[in-house]
Amino acid sequence: MPMSPKTHRPQGMPAPGEAATLYAQSDKAKEAKRFYAGRRWRRLRRMVLAGKPLCEGCGKAVATEVHHIKDRLEHPELAYDCGNLQALDKECHAKARSRHG
């Protein structure tokens, strides 16, 4: 029975599946979890979605996500600013996140 070839992985590069575990343990992930679980964010998110029930990206689907237009880590002063938030559906939110990193 043939063996599968070994794959090359640069030194220091985590194994597949290991990267997700490392991110989950990172300080950035812990901070994000605290922010999005916070009462202030949850209230603001509900308010944004109630005021803008349709996706601001496509205008067709029901908005289920709230997106920071300017990254909240790069612009912490805008984290709770309604002018920096967009109500989006999951598909448009994924597109917006991929554009901004």
Protein backbone atom coordinates (compact mmCIF):
# COMPACT_ATOMS: atom_id res chain seq x y z
CA MET A 1 0.00 0.00 0.00
CA PRO A 2 1.55 3.34 -1.04
CA MET A 3 2.19 5.93 1.63
CA SER A 4 1.13 9.50 1.12
CA PRO A 5 4.03 11.88 0.52
CA LYS A 6 5.22 14.07 3.33
CA THR A 7 4.29 17.70 2.99
CA HIS A 8 6.80 20.44 3.55
CA ARG A 9 6.02 22.92 6.29
CA PRO A 10 8.38 25.84 6.96
CA GLN A 11 10.01 25.85 10.37
CA GLY A 12 7.78 27.49 12.96
CA MET A 13 4.63 27.08 10.84
CA PRO A 14 1.83 25.39 12.80
CA ALA A 15 0.34 22.14 11.54
CA PRO A 16 -3.09 22.27 9.88
CA GLY A 17 -5.74 22.67 12.55
CA GLU A 18 -3.14 23.87 15.02
CA ALA A 19 -3.38 27.46 13.74
CA ALA A 20 -7.04 27.72 14.77
CA THR A 21 -6.16 26.47 18.24
CA LEU A 22 -3.34 28.99 18.54
CA TYR A 23 -5.64 31.84 17.46
CA ALA A 24 -8.33 30.78 19.92
CA GLN A 25 -5.78 31.06 22.71
CA SER A 26 -4.37 34.38 21.55
CA ASP A 27 -4.84 37.64 23.41
CA LYS A 28 -6.57 39.12 20.37
CA ALA A 29 -9.21 36.38 20.39
CA LYS A 30 -9.75 36.71 24.14
CA GLU A 31 -10.20 40.47 23.82
CA ALA A 32 -12.65 40.05 20.92
CA LYS A 33 -14.67 37.56 22.94
CA ARG A 34 -14.85 39.99 25.87
CA PHE A 35 -15.87 42.88 23.60
CA TYR A 36 -18.62 41.05 21.72
CA ALA A 37 -19.99 39.41 24.89
CA GLY A 38 -20.19 42.77 26.66
CA ARG A 39 -23.53 44.32 27.58
CA ARG A 40 -22.80 47.62 25.84
CA TRP A 41 -22.03 45.94 22.50
CA ARG A 42 -24.99 43.55 22.70
CA ARG A 43 -27.40 46.45 23.34
CA LEU A 44 -25.92 48.55 20.54
CA ARG A 45 -26.03 45.59 18.14
CA ARG A 46 -29.72 45.00 18.89
CA MET A 47 -30.42 48.71 18.38
CA VAL A 48 -28.61 48.79 15.01
CA LEU A 49 -30.38 45.67 13.74
CA ALA A 50 -33.79 46.97 14.90
CA GLY A 51 -33.22 50.30 13.14
CA LYS A 52 -31.87 48.74 9.93
CA PRO A 53 -33.63 45.42 9.39
CA LEU A 54 -32.44 45.02 5.78
CA CYS A 55 -28.84 44.41 4.77
CA GLU A 56 -27.08 47.66 3.92
CA GLY A 57 -24.83 45.78 1.51
CA CYS A 58 -27.36 44.22 -0.86
CA GLY A 59 -30.63 45.70 0.42
CA LYS A 60 -32.40 42.37 -0.13
CA ALA A 61 -31.72 40.05 2.79
CA VAL A 62 -32.52 40.44 6.46
CA ALA A 63 -29.56 41.90 8.35
CA THR A 64 -28.20 39.56 11.02
CA GLU A 65 -24.67 40.91 11.52
CA VAL A 66 -23.28 44.30 12.56
CA HIS A 67 -20.00 45.26 10.89
CA HIS A 68 -17.44 47.85 12.00
CA ILE A 69 -16.65 49.88 8.85
CA LYS A 70 -13.35 51.03 10.32
CA ASP A 71 -11.70 48.24 12.30
CA ARG A 72 -12.44 48.58 16.00
CA LEU A 73 -8.89 47.61 16.99
CA GLU A 74 -7.34 50.26 14.73
CA HIS A 75 -9.99 52.85 15.71
CA PRO A 76 -11.10 51.98 19.26
CA GLU A 77 -12.78 55.38 19.59
CA LEU A 78 -15.29 54.24 16.92
CA ALA A 79 -16.08 50.84 18.45
CA TYR A 80 -19.49 52.05 19.73
CA ASP A 81 -20.10 54.79 17.14
CA CYS A 82 -23.29 54.08 15.15
CA GLY A 83 -21.80 55.95 12.19
CA ASN A 84 -19.10 53.28 12.00
CA LEU A 85 -21.53 50.35 12.00
CA GLN A 86 -23.33 48.59 9.17
CA ALA A 87 -26.20 46.12 9.40
CA LEU A 88 -25.36 43.26 7.00
CA ASP A 89 -26.50 39.75 6.18
CA LYS A 90 -23.99 36.90 6.67
CA GLU A 91 -22.88 36.84 3.01
CA CYS A 92 -22.26 40.60 2.78
CA HIS A 93 -20.53 40.55 6.18
CA ALA A 94 -18.15 37.81 5.01
CA LYS A 95 -17.34 39.89 1.90
CA ALA A 96 -16.77 43.03 3.99
CA ARG A 97 -14.51 41.18 6.43
CA SER A 98 -12.46 39.65 3.61
CA ARG A 99 -11.89 43.11 2.10
CA HIS A 100 -10.68 44.55 5.41
CA GLY A 101 -8.74 41.55 6.65
